[in-house]
PDB file of N, CA and C in Angstrom:
ATOM      1  N   MET A   1     141.108 -44.407 371.970  1.00  0.00           N
ATOM      2  CA  MET A   1     141.598 -44.188 370.609  1.00  0.00           C
ATOM      3  C   MET A   1     141.293 -45.428 369.767  1.00  0.00           C
ATOM      4  N   ASN A   2     140.651 -45.233 368.632  1.00  0.00           N
ATOM      5  CA  ASN A   2     140.311 -46.337 367.749  1.00  0.00           C
ATOM      6  C   ASN A   2     141.476 -46.658 366.834  1.00  0.00           C
ATOM      7  N   GLU A   3     141.756 -47.943 366.715  1.00  0.00           N
ATOM      8  CA  GLU A   3     142.817 -48.372 365.809  1.00  0.00           C
ATOM      9  C   GLU A   3     142.226 -48.662 364.440  1.00  0.00           C
ATOM     10  N   ILE A   4     143.002 -48.387 363.417  1.00  0.00           N
ATOM     11  CA  ILE A   4     142.595 -48.726 362.064  1.00  0.00           C
ATOM     12  C   ILE A   4     142.900 -50.200 361.851  1.00  0.00           C
ATOM     13  N   ALA A   5     141.926 -50.941 361.351  1.00  0.00           N
ATOM     14  CA  ALA A   5     142.137 -52.361 361.086  1.00  0.00           C
ATOM     15  C   ALA A   5     143.180 -52.505 359.979  1.00  0.00           C
ATOM     16  N   ARG A   6     144.126 -53.409 360.205  1.00  0.00           N
ATOM     17  CA  ARG A   6     145.181 -53.650 359.220  1.00  0.00           C
ATOM     18  C   ARG A   6     144.864 -54.910 358.430  1.00  0.00           C
ATOM     19  N   ASP A   7     145.150 -54.847 357.156  1.00  0.00           N
ATOM     20  CA  ASP A   7     145.005 -56.012 356.299  1.00  0.00           C
ATOM     21  C   ASP A   7     146.134 -56.977 356.652  1.00  0.00           C
ATOM     22  N   PRO A   8     145.809 -58.195 357.097  1.00  0.00           N
ATOM     23  CA  PRO A   8     146.864 -59.141 357.484  1.00  0.00           C
ATOM     24  C   PRO A   8     147.834 -59.454 356.350  1.00  0.00           C
ATOM     25  N   GLN A   9     147.381 -59.359 355.106  1.00  0.00           N
ATOM     26  CA  GLN A   9     148.272 -59.637 353.982  1.00  0.00           C
ATOM     27  C   GLN A   9     149.348 -58.561 353.832  1.00  0.00           C
ATOM     28  N   LEU A  10     149.005 -57.307 354.163  1.00  0.00           N
ATOM     29  CA  LEU A  10     150.023 -56.247 354.127  1.00  0.00           C
ATOM     30  C   LEU A  10     151.096 -56.517 355.165  1.00  0.00           C
ATOM     31  N   LEU A  11     150.678 -56.893 356.353  1.00  0.00           N
ATOM     32  CA  LEU A  11     151.632 -57.193 357.420  1.00  0.00           C
ATOM     33  C   LEU A  11     152.489 -58.401 357.058  1.00  0.00           C
ATOM     34  N   LYS A  12     151.869 -59.407 356.477  1.00  0.00           N
ATOM     35  CA  LYS A  12     152.614 -60.612 356.099  1.00  0.00           C
ATOM     36  C   LYS A  12     153.745 -60.280 355.134  1.00  0.00           C
ATOM     37  N   GLY A  13     153.497 -59.357 354.219  1.00  0.00           N
ATOM     38  CA  GLY A  13     154.505 -59.008 353.228  1.00  0.00           C
ATOM     39  C   GLY A  13     155.670 -58.211 353.787  1.00  0.00           C
ATOM     40  N   ILE A  14     155.404 -57.380 354.790  1.00  0.00           N
ATOM     41  CA  ILE A  14     156.444 -56.499 355.316  1.00  0.00           C
ATOM     42  C   ILE A  14     157.072 -57.044 356.602  1.00  0.00           C
ATOM     43  N   LEU A  15     156.487 -58.075 357.198  1.00  0.00           N
ATOM     44  CA  LEU A  15     156.969 -58.571 358.486  1.00  0.00           C
ATOM     45  C   LEU A  15     158.443 -58.986 358.483  1.00  0.00           C
ATOM     46  N   PRO A  16     158.957 -59.672 357.477  1.00  0.00           N
ATOM     47  CA  PRO A  16     160.389 -59.993 357.507  1.00  0.00           C
ATOM     48  C   PRO A  16     161.269 -58.748 357.591  1.00  0.00           C
ATOM     49  N   THR A  17     160.887 -57.683 356.893  1.00  0.00           N
ATOM     50  CA  THR A  17     161.652 -56.439 356.948  1.00  0.00           C
ATOM     51  C   THR A  17     161.567 -55.825 358.342  1.00  0.00           C
ATOM     52  N   LEU A  18     160.383 -55.850 358.945  1.00  0.00           N
ATOM     53  CA  LEU A  18     160.216 -55.300 360.295  1.00  0.00           C
ATOM     54  C   LEU A  18     161.022 -56.103 361.315  1.00  0.00           C
ATOM     55  N   VAL A  19     161.030 -57.411 361.165  1.00  0.00           N
ATOM     56  CA  VAL A  19     161.805 -58.270 362.068  1.00  0.00           C
ATOM     57  C   VAL A  19     163.293 -57.957 361.941  1.00  0.00           C
ATOM     58  N   LEU A  20     163.779 -57.867 360.709  1.00  0.00           N
ATOM     59  CA  LEU A  20     165.191 -57.536 360.508  1.00  0.00           C
ATOM     60  C   LEU A  20     165.522 -56.155 361.067  1.00  0.00           C
ATOM     61  N   ALA A  21     164.631 -55.193 360.880  1.00  0.00           N
ATOM     62  CA  ALA A  21     164.872 -53.845 361.409  1.00  0.00           C
ATOM     63  C   ALA A  21     164.953 -53.861 362.928  1.00  0.00           C
ATOM     64  N   ALA A  22     164.035 -54.562 363.566  1.00  0.00           N
ATOM     65  CA  ALA A  22     164.037 -54.624 365.029  1.00  0.00           C
ATOM     66  C   ALA A  22     165.296 -55.315 365.536  1.00  0.00           C
ATOM     67  N   LEU A  23     165.696 -56.386 364.876  1.00  0.00           N
ATOM     68  CA  LEU A  23     166.870 -57.131 365.333  1.00  0.00           C
ATOM     69  C   LEU A  23     168.173 -56.412 365.011  1.00  0.00           C
ATOM     70  N   THR A  24     168.158 -55.516 364.037  1.00  0.00           N
ATOM     71  CA  THR A  24     169.339 -54.712 363.742  1.00  0.00           C
ATOM     72  C   THR A  24     169.598 -53.739 364.889  1.00  0.00           C
ATOM     73  N   ARG A  25     168.522 -53.247 365.474  1.00  0.00           N
ATOM     74  CA  ARG A  25     168.654 -52.318 366.600  1.00  0.00           C
ATOM     75  C   ARG A  25     169.117 -53.015 367.868  1.00  0.00           C
ATOM     76  N   HIS A  26     168.623 -54.260 368.058  1.00  0.00           N
ATOM     77  CA  HIS A  26     168.937 -54.970 369.310  1.00  0.00           C
ATOM     78  C   HIS A  26     168.572 -56.439 369.129  1.00  0.00           C
ATOM     79  N   GLU A  27     169.541 -57.339 369.357  1.00  0.00           N
ATOM     80  CA  GLU A  27     169.232 -58.765 369.243  1.00  0.00           C
ATOM     81  C   GLU A  27     168.150 -59.124 370.260  1.00  0.00           C
ATOM     82  N   SER A  28     167.356 -60.121 369.932  1.00  0.00           N
ATOM     83  CA  SER A  28     166.251 -60.527 370.805  1.00  0.00           C
ATOM     84  C   SER A  28     165.978 -62.005 370.647  1.00  0.00           C
ATOM     85  N   TYR A  29     165.319 -62.568 371.640  1.00  0.00           N
ATOM     86  CA  TYR A  29     164.745 -63.904 371.492  1.00  0.00           C
ATOM     87  C   TYR A  29     163.302 -63.717 371.029  1.00  0.00           C
ATOM     88  N   GLY A  30     162.687 -64.779 370.589  1.00  0.00           N
ATOM     89  CA  GLY A  30     161.390 -64.702 369.930  1.00  0.00           C
ATOM     90  C   GLY A  30     160.317 -63.928 370.667  1.00  0.00           C
ATOM     91  N   TYR A  31     160.026 -64.310 371.917  1.00  0.00           N
ATOM     92  CA  TYR A  31     158.936 -63.661 372.633  1.00  0.00           C
ATOM     93  C   TYR A  31     159.247 -62.188 372.898  1.00  0.00           C
ATOM     94  N   GLU A  32     160.505 -61.882 373.206  1.00  0.00           N
ATOM     95  CA  GLU A  32     160.896 -60.483 373.406  1.00  0.00           C
ATOM     96  C   GLU A  32     160.671 -59.681 372.122  1.00  0.00           C
ATOM     97  N   LEU A  33     160.979 -60.266 370.984  1.00  0.00           N
ATOM     98  CA  LEU A  33     160.770 -59.609 369.705  1.00  0.00           C
ATOM     99  C   LEU A  33     159.284 -59.336 369.480  1.00  0.00           C
ATOM    100  N   VAL A  34     158.451 -60.315 369.771  1.00  0.00           N
ATOM    101  CA  VAL A  34     156.999 -60.128 369.635  1.00  0.00           C
ATOM    102  C   VAL A  34     156.552 -58.940 370.482  1.00  0.00           C
ATOM    103  N   THR A  35     157.023 -58.873 371.710  1.00  0.00           N
ATOM    104  CA  THR A  35     156.670 -57.779 372.611  1.00  0.00           C
ATOM    105  C   THR A  35     157.143 -56.439 372.053  1.00  0.00           C
ATOM    106  N   ARG A  36     158.340 -56.410 371.510  1.00  0.00           N
ATOM    107  CA  ARG A  36     158.867 -55.169 370.920  1.00  0.00           C
ATOM    108  C   ARG A  36     158.023 -54.721 369.730  1.00  0.00           C
ATOM    109  N   LEU A  37     157.622 -55.664 368.889  1.00  0.00           N
ATOM    110  CA  LEU A  37     156.771 -55.323 367.744  1.00  0.00           C
ATOM    111  C   LEU A  37     155.410 -54.810 368.217  1.00  0.00           C
ATOM    112  N   GLN A  38     154.860 -55.445 369.234  1.00  0.00           N
ATOM    113  CA  GLN A  38     153.583 -54.988 369.784  1.00  0.00           C
ATOM    114  C   GLN A  38     153.723 -53.585 370.361  1.00  0.00           C
ATOM    115  N   ASP A  39     154.802 -53.343 371.094  1.00  0.00           N
ATOM    116  CA  ASP A  39     155.041 -52.024 371.687  1.00  0.00           C
ATOM    117  C   ASP A  39     155.222 -50.946 370.610  1.00  0.00           C
ATOM    118  N   ALA A  40     155.710 -51.348 369.448  1.00  0.00           N
ATOM    119  CA  ALA A  40     155.918 -50.404 368.345  1.00  0.00           C
ATOM    120  C   ALA A  40     154.612 -50.059 367.634  1.00  0.00           C
ATOM    121  N   GLY A  41     153.532 -50.767 367.979  1.00  0.00           N
ATOM    122  CA  GLY A  41     152.234 -50.463 367.378  1.00  0.00           C
ATOM    123  C   GLY A  41     151.567 -51.618 366.666  1.00  0.00           C
ATOM    124  N   LEU A  42     152.258 -52.742 366.540  1.00  0.00           N
ATOM    125  CA  LEU A  42     151.660 -53.924 365.908  1.00  0.00           C
ATOM    126  C   LEU A  42     150.988 -54.774 366.978  1.00  0.00           C
ATOM    127  N   THR A  43     149.968 -54.207 367.599  1.00  0.00           N
ATOM    128  CA  THR A  43     149.340 -54.838 368.753  1.00  0.00           C
ATOM    129  C   THR A  43     148.703 -56.182 368.425  1.00  0.00           C
ATOM    130  N   GLU A  44     148.337 -56.391 367.175  1.00  0.00           N
ATOM    131  CA  GLU A  44     147.670 -57.634 366.789  1.00  0.00           C
ATOM    132  C   GLU A  44     148.640 -58.770 366.459  1.00  0.00           C
ATOM    133  N   ILE A  45     149.939 -58.496 366.472  1.00  0.00           N
ATOM    134  CA  ILE A  45     150.923 -59.526 366.109  1.00  0.00           C
ATOM    135  C   ILE A  45     150.964 -60.605 367.181  1.00  0.00           C
ATOM    136  N   ALA A  46     151.077 -61.835 366.757  1.00  0.00           N
ATOM    137  CA  ALA A  46     151.090 -62.966 367.683  1.00  0.00           C
ATOM    138  C   ALA A  46     152.382 -63.754 367.507  1.00  0.00           C
ATOM    139  N   PRO A  47     152.803 -64.442 368.581  1.00  0.00           N
ATOM    140  CA  PRO A  47     154.012 -65.269 368.459  1.00  0.00           C
ATOM    141  C   PRO A  47     153.933 -66.255 367.294  1.00  0.00           C
ATOM    142  N   GLY A  48     152.762 -66.804 367.054  1.00  0.00           N
ATOM    143  CA  GLY A  48     152.602 -67.763 365.962  1.00  0.00           C
ATOM    144  C   GLY A  48     152.836 -67.170 364.590  1.00  0.00           C
ATOM    145  N   THR A  49     152.852 -65.860 364.507  1.00  0.00           N
ATOM    146  CA  THR A  49     153.146 -65.171 363.251  1.00  0.00           C
ATOM    147  C   THR A  49     154.641 -64.909 363.113  1.00  0.00           C
ATOM    148  N   VAL A  50     155.295 -64.604 364.218  1.00  0.00           N
ATOM    149  CA  VAL A  50     156.695 -64.185 364.186  1.00  0.00           C
ATOM    150  C   VAL A  50     157.660 -65.369 364.117  1.00  0.00           C
ATOM    151  N   TYR A  51     157.384 -66.434 364.854  1.00  0.00           N
ATOM    152  CA  TYR A  51     158.329 -67.558 364.895  1.00  0.00           C
ATOM    153  C   TYR A  51     158.602 -68.176 363.525  1.00  0.00           C
ATOM    154  N   PRO A  52     157.599 -68.367 362.676  1.00  0.00           N
ATOM    155  CA  PRO A  52     157.913 -68.889 361.332  1.00  0.00           C
ATOM    156  C   PRO A  52     158.784 -67.936 360.512  1.00  0.00           C
ATOM    157  N   VAL A  53     158.599 -66.627 360.710  1.00  0.00           N
ATOM    158  CA  VAL A  53     159.436 -65.651 360.004  1.00  0.00           C
ATOM    159  C   VAL A  53     160.878 -65.764 360.478  1.00  0.00           C
ATOM    160  N   LEU A  54     161.069 -65.880 361.793  1.00  0.00           N
ATOM    161  CA  LEU A  54     162.422 -66.060 362.332  1.00  0.00           C
ATOM    162  C   LEU A  54     163.073 -67.313 361.758  1.00  0.00           C
ATOM    163  N   ALA A  55     162.329 -68.409 361.734  1.00  0.00           N
ATOM    164  CA  ALA A  55     162.875 -69.668 361.214  1.00  0.00           C
ATOM    165  C   ALA A  55     163.252 -69.539 359.741  1.00  0.00           C
ATOM    166  N   ARG A  56     162.395 -68.884 358.969  1.00  0.00           N
ATOM    167  CA  ARG A  56     162.664 -68.724 357.533  1.00  0.00           C
ATOM    168  C   ARG A  56     163.881 -67.822 357.304  1.00  0.00           C
ATOM    169  N   LEU A  57     163.962 -66.711 358.041  1.00  0.00           N
ATOM    170  CA  LEU A  57     165.111 -65.811 357.889  1.00  0.00           C
ATOM    171  C   LEU A  57     166.413 -66.499 358.299  1.00  0.00           C
ATOM    172  N   GLU A  58     166.352 -67.318 359.339  1.00  0.00           N
ATOM    173  CA  GLU A  58     167.551 -68.059 359.758  1.00  0.00           C
ATOM    174  C   GLU A  58     167.931 -69.094 358.695  1.00  0.00           C
ATOM    175  N   ARG A  59     166.949 -69.821 358.199  1.00  0.00           N
ATOM    176  CA  ARG A  59     167.199 -70.837 357.173  1.00  0.00           C
ATOM    177  C   ARG A  59     167.781 -70.213 355.900  1.00  0.00           C
ATOM    178  N   ASP A  60     167.323 -68.995 355.576  1.00  0.00           N
ATOM    179  CA  ASP A  60     167.797 -68.306 354.369  1.00  0.00           C
ATOM    180  C   ASP A  60     169.148 -67.620 354.562  1.00  0.00           C
ATOM    181  N   GLY A  61     169.686 -67.668 355.790  1.00  0.00           N
ATOM    182  CA  GLY A  61     170.984 -67.070 356.059  1.00  0.00           C
ATOM    183  C   GLY A  61     170.930 -65.588 356.395  1.00  0.00           C
ATOM    184  N   ASP A  62     169.734 -65.056 356.647  1.00  0.00           N
ATOM    185  CA  ASP A  62     169.591 -63.641 356.969  1.00  0.00           C
ATOM    186  C   ASP A  62     169.704 -63.361 358.465  1.00  0.00           C
ATOM    187  N   LEU A  63     169.551 -64.393 359.280  1.00  0.00           N
ATOM    188  CA  LEU A  63     169.706 -64.275 360.729  1.00  0.00           C
ATOM    189  C   LEU A  63     170.654 -65.341 361.217  1.00  0.00           C
ATOM    190  N   GLU A  64     171.369 -65.008 362.291  1.00  0.00           N
ATOM    191  CA  GLU A  64     172.126 -66.021 363.011  1.00  0.00           C
ATOM    192  C   GLU A  64     171.542 -66.087 364.412  1.00  0.00           C
ATOM    193  N   ALA A  65     171.682 -67.241 365.025  1.00  0.00           N
ATOM    194  CA  ALA A  65     171.101 -67.433 366.349  1.00  0.00           C
ATOM    195  C   ALA A  65     172.148 -68.003 367.291  1.00  0.00           C
ATOM    196  N   ARG A  66     171.970 -67.665 368.564  1.00  0.00           N
ATOM    197  CA  ARG A  66     172.830 -68.240 369.594  1.00  0.00           C
ATOM    198  C   ARG A  66     171.964 -68.544 370.798  1.00  0.00           C
ATOM    199  N   LEU A  67     172.258 -69.648 371.468  1.00  0.00           N
ATOM    200  CA  LEU A  67     171.521 -70.042 372.667  1.00  0.00           C
ATOM    201  C   LEU A  67     172.160 -69.391 373.889  1.00  0.00           C
ATOM    202  N   VAL A  68     171.291 -68.849 374.737  1.00  0.00           N
ATOM    203  CA  VAL A  68     171.735 -68.202 375.974  1.00  0.00           C
ATOM    204  C   VAL A  68     170.945 -68.813 377.114  1.00  0.00           C
ATOM    205  N   ALA A  69     171.675 -69.287 378.132  1.00  0.00           N
ATOM    206  CA  ALA A  69     171.014 -69.879 379.293  1.00  0.00           C
ATOM    207  C   ALA A  69     170.071 -68.861 379.928  1.00  0.00           C
ATOM    208  N   SER A  70     168.921 -69.348 380.362  1.00  0.00           N
ATOM    209  CA  SER A  70     167.934 -68.491 380.999  1.00  0.00           C
ATOM    210  C   SER A  70     167.801 -68.875 382.467  1.00  0.00           C
ATOM    211  N   PRO A  71     167.759 -67.905 383.362  1.00  0.00           N
ATOM    212  CA  PRO A  71     167.608 -68.221 384.783  1.00  0.00           C
ATOM    213  C   PRO A  71     166.216 -68.737 385.128  1.00  0.00           C
ATOM    214  N   SER A  72     165.263 -68.562 384.207  1.00  0.00           N
ATOM    215  CA  SER A  72     163.882 -68.931 384.522  1.00  0.00           C
ATOM    216  C   SER A  72     163.313 -69.990 383.577  1.00  0.00           C
ATOM    217  N   GLY A  73     164.145 -70.875 383.069  1.00  0.00           N
ATOM    218  CA  GLY A  73     163.635 -71.917 382.181  1.00  0.00           C
ATOM    219  C   GLY A  73     164.678 -72.347 381.183  1.00  0.00           C
ATOM    220  N   PRO A  74     164.217 -72.871 380.056  1.00  0.00           N
ATOM    221  CA  PRO A  74     165.167 -73.360 379.044  1.00  0.00           C
ATOM    222  C   PRO A  74     165.951 -72.214 378.413  1.00  0.00           C
ATOM    223  N   ALA A  75     167.037 -72.565 377.753  1.00  0.00           N
ATOM    224  CA  ALA A  75     167.864 -71.571 377.062  1.00  0.00           C
ATOM    225  C   ALA A  75     167.026 -70.843 376.018  1.00  0.00           C
ATOM    226  N   ARG A  76     167.366 -69.592 375.821  1.00  0.00           N
ATOM    227  CA  ARG A  76     166.663 -68.775 374.827  1.00  0.00           C
ATOM    228  C   ARG A  76     167.535 -68.622 373.592  1.00  0.00           C
ATOM    229  N   LYS A  77     166.878 -68.609 372.441  1.00  0.00           N
ATOM    230  CA  LYS A  77     167.565 -68.454 371.173  1.00  0.00           C
ATOM    231  C   LYS A  77     167.506 -66.977 370.778  1.00  0.00           C
ATOM    232  N   TYR A  78     168.662 -66.316 370.824  1.00  0.00           N
ATOM    233  CA  TYR A  78     168.755 -64.906 370.456  1.00  0.00           C
ATOM    234  C   TYR A  78     169.120 -64.784 368.983  1.00  0.00           C
ATOM    235  N   TYR A  79     168.452 -63.874 368.291  1.00  0.00           N
ATOM    236  CA  TYR A  79     168.646 -63.681 366.857  1.00  0.00           C
ATOM    237  C   TYR A  79     169.279 -62.327 366.575  1.00  0.00           C
ATOM    238  N   SER A  80     170.143 -62.303 365.570  1.00  0.00           N
ATOM    239  CA  SER A  80     170.699 -61.048 365.065  1.00  0.00           C
ATOM    240  C   SER A  80     170.938 -61.207 363.564  1.00  0.00           C
ATOM    241  N   PRO A  81     170.863 -60.107 362.821  1.00  0.00           N
ATOM    242  CA  PRO A  81     171.040 -60.187 361.370  1.00  0.00           C
ATOM    243  C   PRO A  81     172.474 -60.507 360.966  1.00  0.00           C
ATOM    244  N   THR A  82     172.608 -61.256 359.911  1.00  0.00           N
ATOM    245  CA  THR A  82     173.895 -61.507 359.270  1.00  0.00           C
ATOM    246  C   THR A  82     174.138 -60.363 358.274  1.00  0.00           C
ATOM    247  N   PRO A  83     175.314 -60.297 357.681  1.00  0.00           N
ATOM    248  CA  PRO A  83     175.505 -59.296 356.615  1.00  0.00           C
ATOM    249  C   PRO A  83     174.458 -59.438 355.498  1.00  0.00           C
ATOM    250  N   ALA A  84     174.114 -60.676 355.137  1.00  0.00           N
ATOM    251  CA  ALA A  84     173.075 -60.880 354.120  1.00  0.00           C
ATOM    252  C   ALA A  84     171.727 -60.344 354.609  1.00  0.00           C
ATOM    253  N   GLY A  85     171.455 -60.486 355.899  1.00  0.00           N
ATOM    254  CA  GLY A  85     170.217 -59.974 356.470  1.00  0.00           C
ATOM    255  C   GLY A  85     170.167 -58.458 356.452  1.00  0.00           C
ATOM    256  N   ARG A  86     171.304 -57.831 356.688  1.00  0.00           N
ATOM    257  CA  ARG A  86     171.367 -56.360 356.626  1.00  0.00           C
ATOM    258  C   ARG A  86     171.129 -55.886 355.185  1.00  0.00           C
ATOM    259  N   THR A  87     171.657 -56.629 354.223  1.00  0.00           N
ATOM    260  CA  THR A  87     171.409 -56.306 352.815  1.00  0.00           C
ATOM    261  C   THR A  87     169.932 -56.483 352.495  1.00  0.00           C
ATOM    262  N   ARG A  88     169.358 -57.579 352.962  1.00  0.00           N
ATOM    263  CA  ARG A  88     167.924 -57.821 352.727  1.00  0.00           C
ATOM    264  C   ARG A  88     167.083 -56.715 353.366  1.00  0.00           C
ATOM    265  N   LEU A  89     167.463 -56.253 354.551  1.00  0.00           N
ATOM    266  CA  LEU A  89     166.753 -55.159 355.204  1.00  0.00           C
ATOM    267  C   LEU A  89     166.820 -53.896 354.350  1.00  0.00           C
ATOM    268  N   ALA A  90     167.999 -53.563 353.854  1.00  0.00           N
ATOM    269  CA  ALA A  90     168.146 -52.367 353.020  1.00  0.00           C
ATOM    270  C   ALA A  90     167.294 -52.477 351.757  1.00  0.00           C
ATOM    271  N   GLU A  91     167.322 -53.645 351.120  1.00  0.00           N
ATOM    272  CA  GLU A  91     166.531 -53.847 349.899  1.00  0.00           C
ATOM    273  C   GLU A  91     165.034 -53.804 350.205  1.00  0.00           C
ATOM    274  N   GLY A  92     164.632 -54.430 351.302  1.00  0.00           N
ATOM    275  CA  GLY A  92     163.226 -54.436 351.689  1.00  0.00           C
ATOM    276  C   GLY A  92     162.721 -53.047 352.028  1.00  0.00           C
ATOM    277  N   THR A  93     163.575 -52.261 352.673  1.00  0.00           N
ATOM    278  CA  THR A  93     163.200 -50.887 353.020  1.00  0.00           C
ATOM    279  C   THR A  93     163.028 -50.045 351.759  1.00  0.00           C
ATOM    280  N   LEU A  94     163.949 -50.186 350.814  1.00  0.00           N
ATOM    281  CA  LEU A  94     163.827 -49.452 349.551  1.00  0.00           C
ATOM    282  C   LEU A  94     162.567 -49.864 348.795  1.00  0.00           C
ATOM    283  N   ALA A  95     162.289 -51.154 348.749  1.00  0.00           N
ATOM    284  CA  ALA A  95     161.093 -51.639 348.049  1.00  0.00           C
ATOM    285  C   ALA A  95     159.824 -51.113 348.712  1.00  0.00           C
ATOM    286  N   TRP A  96     159.794 -51.125 350.049  1.00  0.00           N
ATOM    287  CA  TRP A  96     158.613 -50.627 350.765  1.00  0.00           C
ATOM    288  C   TRP A  96     158.436 -49.130 350.522  1.00  0.00           C
ATOM    289  N   ASP A  97     159.526 -48.374 350.590  1.00  0.00           N
ATOM    290  CA  ASP A  97     159.444 -46.933 350.361  1.00  0.00           C
ATOM    291  C   ASP A  97     158.909 -46.625 348.963  1.00  0.00           C
ATOM    292  N   ALA A  98     159.380 -47.371 347.968  1.00  0.00           N
ATOM    293  CA  ALA A  98     158.913 -47.158 346.596  1.00  0.00           C
ATOM    294  C   ALA A  98     157.427 -47.484 346.481  1.00  0.00           C
ATOM    295  N   LEU A  99     157.007 -48.579 347.094  1.00  0.00           N
ATOM    296  CA  LEU A  99     155.593 -48.947 347.061  1.00  0.00           C
ATOM    297  C   LEU A  99     154.743 -47.917 347.797  1.00  0.00           C
ATOM    298  N   ALA A 100     155.220 -47.446 348.942  1.00  0.00           N
ATOM    299  CA  ALA A 100     154.474 -46.450 349.713  1.00  0.00           C
ATOM    300  C   ALA A 100     154.298 -45.168 348.911  1.00  0.00           C
ATOM    301  N   ARG A 101     155.318 -44.777 348.135  1.00  0.00           N
ATOM    302  CA  ARG A 101     155.187 -43.580 347.300  1.00  0.00           C
ATOM    303  C   ARG A 101     154.107 -43.761 346.243  1.00  0.00           C
ATOM    304  N   VAL A 102     154.054 -44.941 345.629  1.00  0.00           N
ATOM    305  CA  VAL A 102     153.024 -45.214 344.619  1.00  0.00           C
ATOM    306  C   VAL A 102     151.639 -45.184 345.266  1.00  0.00           C
ATOM    307  N   VAL A 103     151.511 -45.827 346.411  1.00  0.00           N
ATOM    308  CA  VAL A 103     150.225 -45.839 347.111  1.00  0.00           C
ATOM    309  C   VAL A 103     149.814 -44.420 347.470  1.00  0.00           C
ATOM    310  N   GLN A 104     150.750 -43.641 348.003  1.00  0.00           N
ATOM    311  CA  GLN A 104     150.452 -42.253 348.376  1.00  0.00           C
ATOM    312  C   GLN A 104     150.022 -41.448 347.157  1.00  0.00           C
ATOM    313  N   THR A 105     150.726 -41.616 346.056  1.00  0.00           N
ATOM    314  CA  THR A 105     150.379 -40.887 344.835  1.00  0.00           C
ATOM    315  C   THR A 105     148.986 -41.274 344.357  1.00  0.00           C
ATOM    316  N   MET A 106     148.719 -42.563 344.333  1.00  0.00           N
ATOM    317  CA  MET A 106     147.419 -43.034 343.848  1.00  0.00           C
ATOM    318  C   MET A 106     146.287 -42.614 344.763  1.00  0.00           C
ATOM    319  N   THR A 107     146.474 -42.739 346.059  1.00  0.00           N
ATOM    320  CA  THR A 107     145.379 -42.434 346.978  1.00  0.00           C
ATOM    321  C   THR A 107     145.181 -40.938 347.156  1.00  0.00           C
ATOM    322  N   SER A 108     146.226 -40.142 347.043  1.00  0.00           N
ATOM    323  CA  SER A 108     146.054 -38.691 347.181  1.00  0.00           C
ATOM    324  C   SER A 108     145.434 -38.097 345.924  1.00  0.00           C
ATOM    325  N   ALA A 109     145.542 -38.785 344.808  1.00  0.00           N
ATOM    326  CA  ALA A 109     144.953 -38.309 343.559  1.00  0.00           C
ATOM    327  C   ALA A 109     143.484 -38.702 343.447  1.00  0.00           C
ATOM    328  N   THR A 110     143.001 -39.490 344.390  1.00  0.00           N
ATOM    329  CA  THR A 110     141.630 -39.972 344.344  1.00  0.00           C
ATOM    330  C   THR A 110     140.732 -39.018 345.101  1.00  0.00           C
ATOM    331  N   ASP A 111     139.681 -38.577 344.439  1.00  0.00           N
ATOM    332  CA  ASP A 111     138.677 -37.742 345.090  1.00  0.00           C
ATOM    333  C   ASP A 111     137.564 -38.663 345.577  1.00  0.00           C
ATOM    334  N   PRO A 112     137.410 -38.840 346.885  1.00  0.00           N
ATOM    335  CA  PRO A 112     136.419 -39.788 347.396  1.00  0.00           C
ATOM    336  C   PRO A 112     134.980 -39.367 347.132  1.00  0.00           C
ATOM    337  N   THR A 113     134.758 -38.140 346.632  1.00  0.00           N
ATOM    338  CA  THR A 113     133.390 -37.689 346.358  1.00  0.00           C
ATOM    339  C   THR A 113     132.953 -38.048 344.952  1.00  0.00           C
ATOM    340  N   THR A 114     133.855 -38.609 344.137  1.00  0.00           N
ATOM    341  CA  THR A 114     133.489 -39.002 342.788  1.00  0.00           C
ATOM    342  C   THR A 114     133.503 -40.516 342.683  1.00  0.00           C
ATOM    343  N   ASP A 115     133.002 -41.008 341.582  1.00  0.00           N
ATOM    344  CA  ASP A 115     132.986 -42.460 341.380  1.00  0.00           C
ATOM    345  C   ASP A 115     134.249 -42.960 340.705  1.00  0.00           C
ATOM    346  N   GLY A 116     135.232 -42.090 340.509  1.00  0.00           N
ATOM    347  CA  GLY A 116     136.506 -42.504 339.916  1.00  0.00           C
ATOM    348  C   GLY A 116     136.525 -42.418 338.409  1.00  0.00           C
ATOM    349  N   ASP A 117     135.392 -42.048 337.788  1.00  0.00           N
ATOM    350  CA  ASP A 117     135.324 -41.939 336.344  1.00  0.00           C
ATOM    351  C   ASP A 117     135.802 -40.547 335.943  1.00  0.00           C
ATOM    352  N   ASP A 118     136.982 -40.457 335.327  1.00  0.00           N
ATOM    353  CA  ASP A 118     137.583 -39.175 334.987  1.00  0.00           C
ATOM    354  C   ASP A 118     137.176 -38.669 333.610  1.00  0.00           C
ATOM    355  N   ARG A 119     136.220 -39.287 332.957  1.00  0.00           N
ATOM    356  CA  ARG A 119     135.833 -38.874 331.611  1.00  0.00           C
ATOM    357  C   ARG A 119     135.105 -37.568 331.618  1.00  0.00           C
TER     358      ARG A 119
END
């Protein structure tokens, strides 16, 4: 099965919302979150992309973190959304849905057999 190439800028814009959505379902530590995002279909996502988002969301008060001892190495930092993070998720979801509707409207109205000149 061939995957459609994704524009990295689209992913960059929606990644904080996706991270908050995933963590709302189940708290995770960084690498586990990366794996969950990959399993959800974001196969190209890398830890180096997710960790800065986690740090920014925590710094902005949208995530809280707690350290949990790990039997196989250093303690892991588990993340979960704060009430502000849940609000940000709701707002981000609404914004994405509105944008997706505009994109759908614009792209479904386009006839790929024409040059776009409606005159």
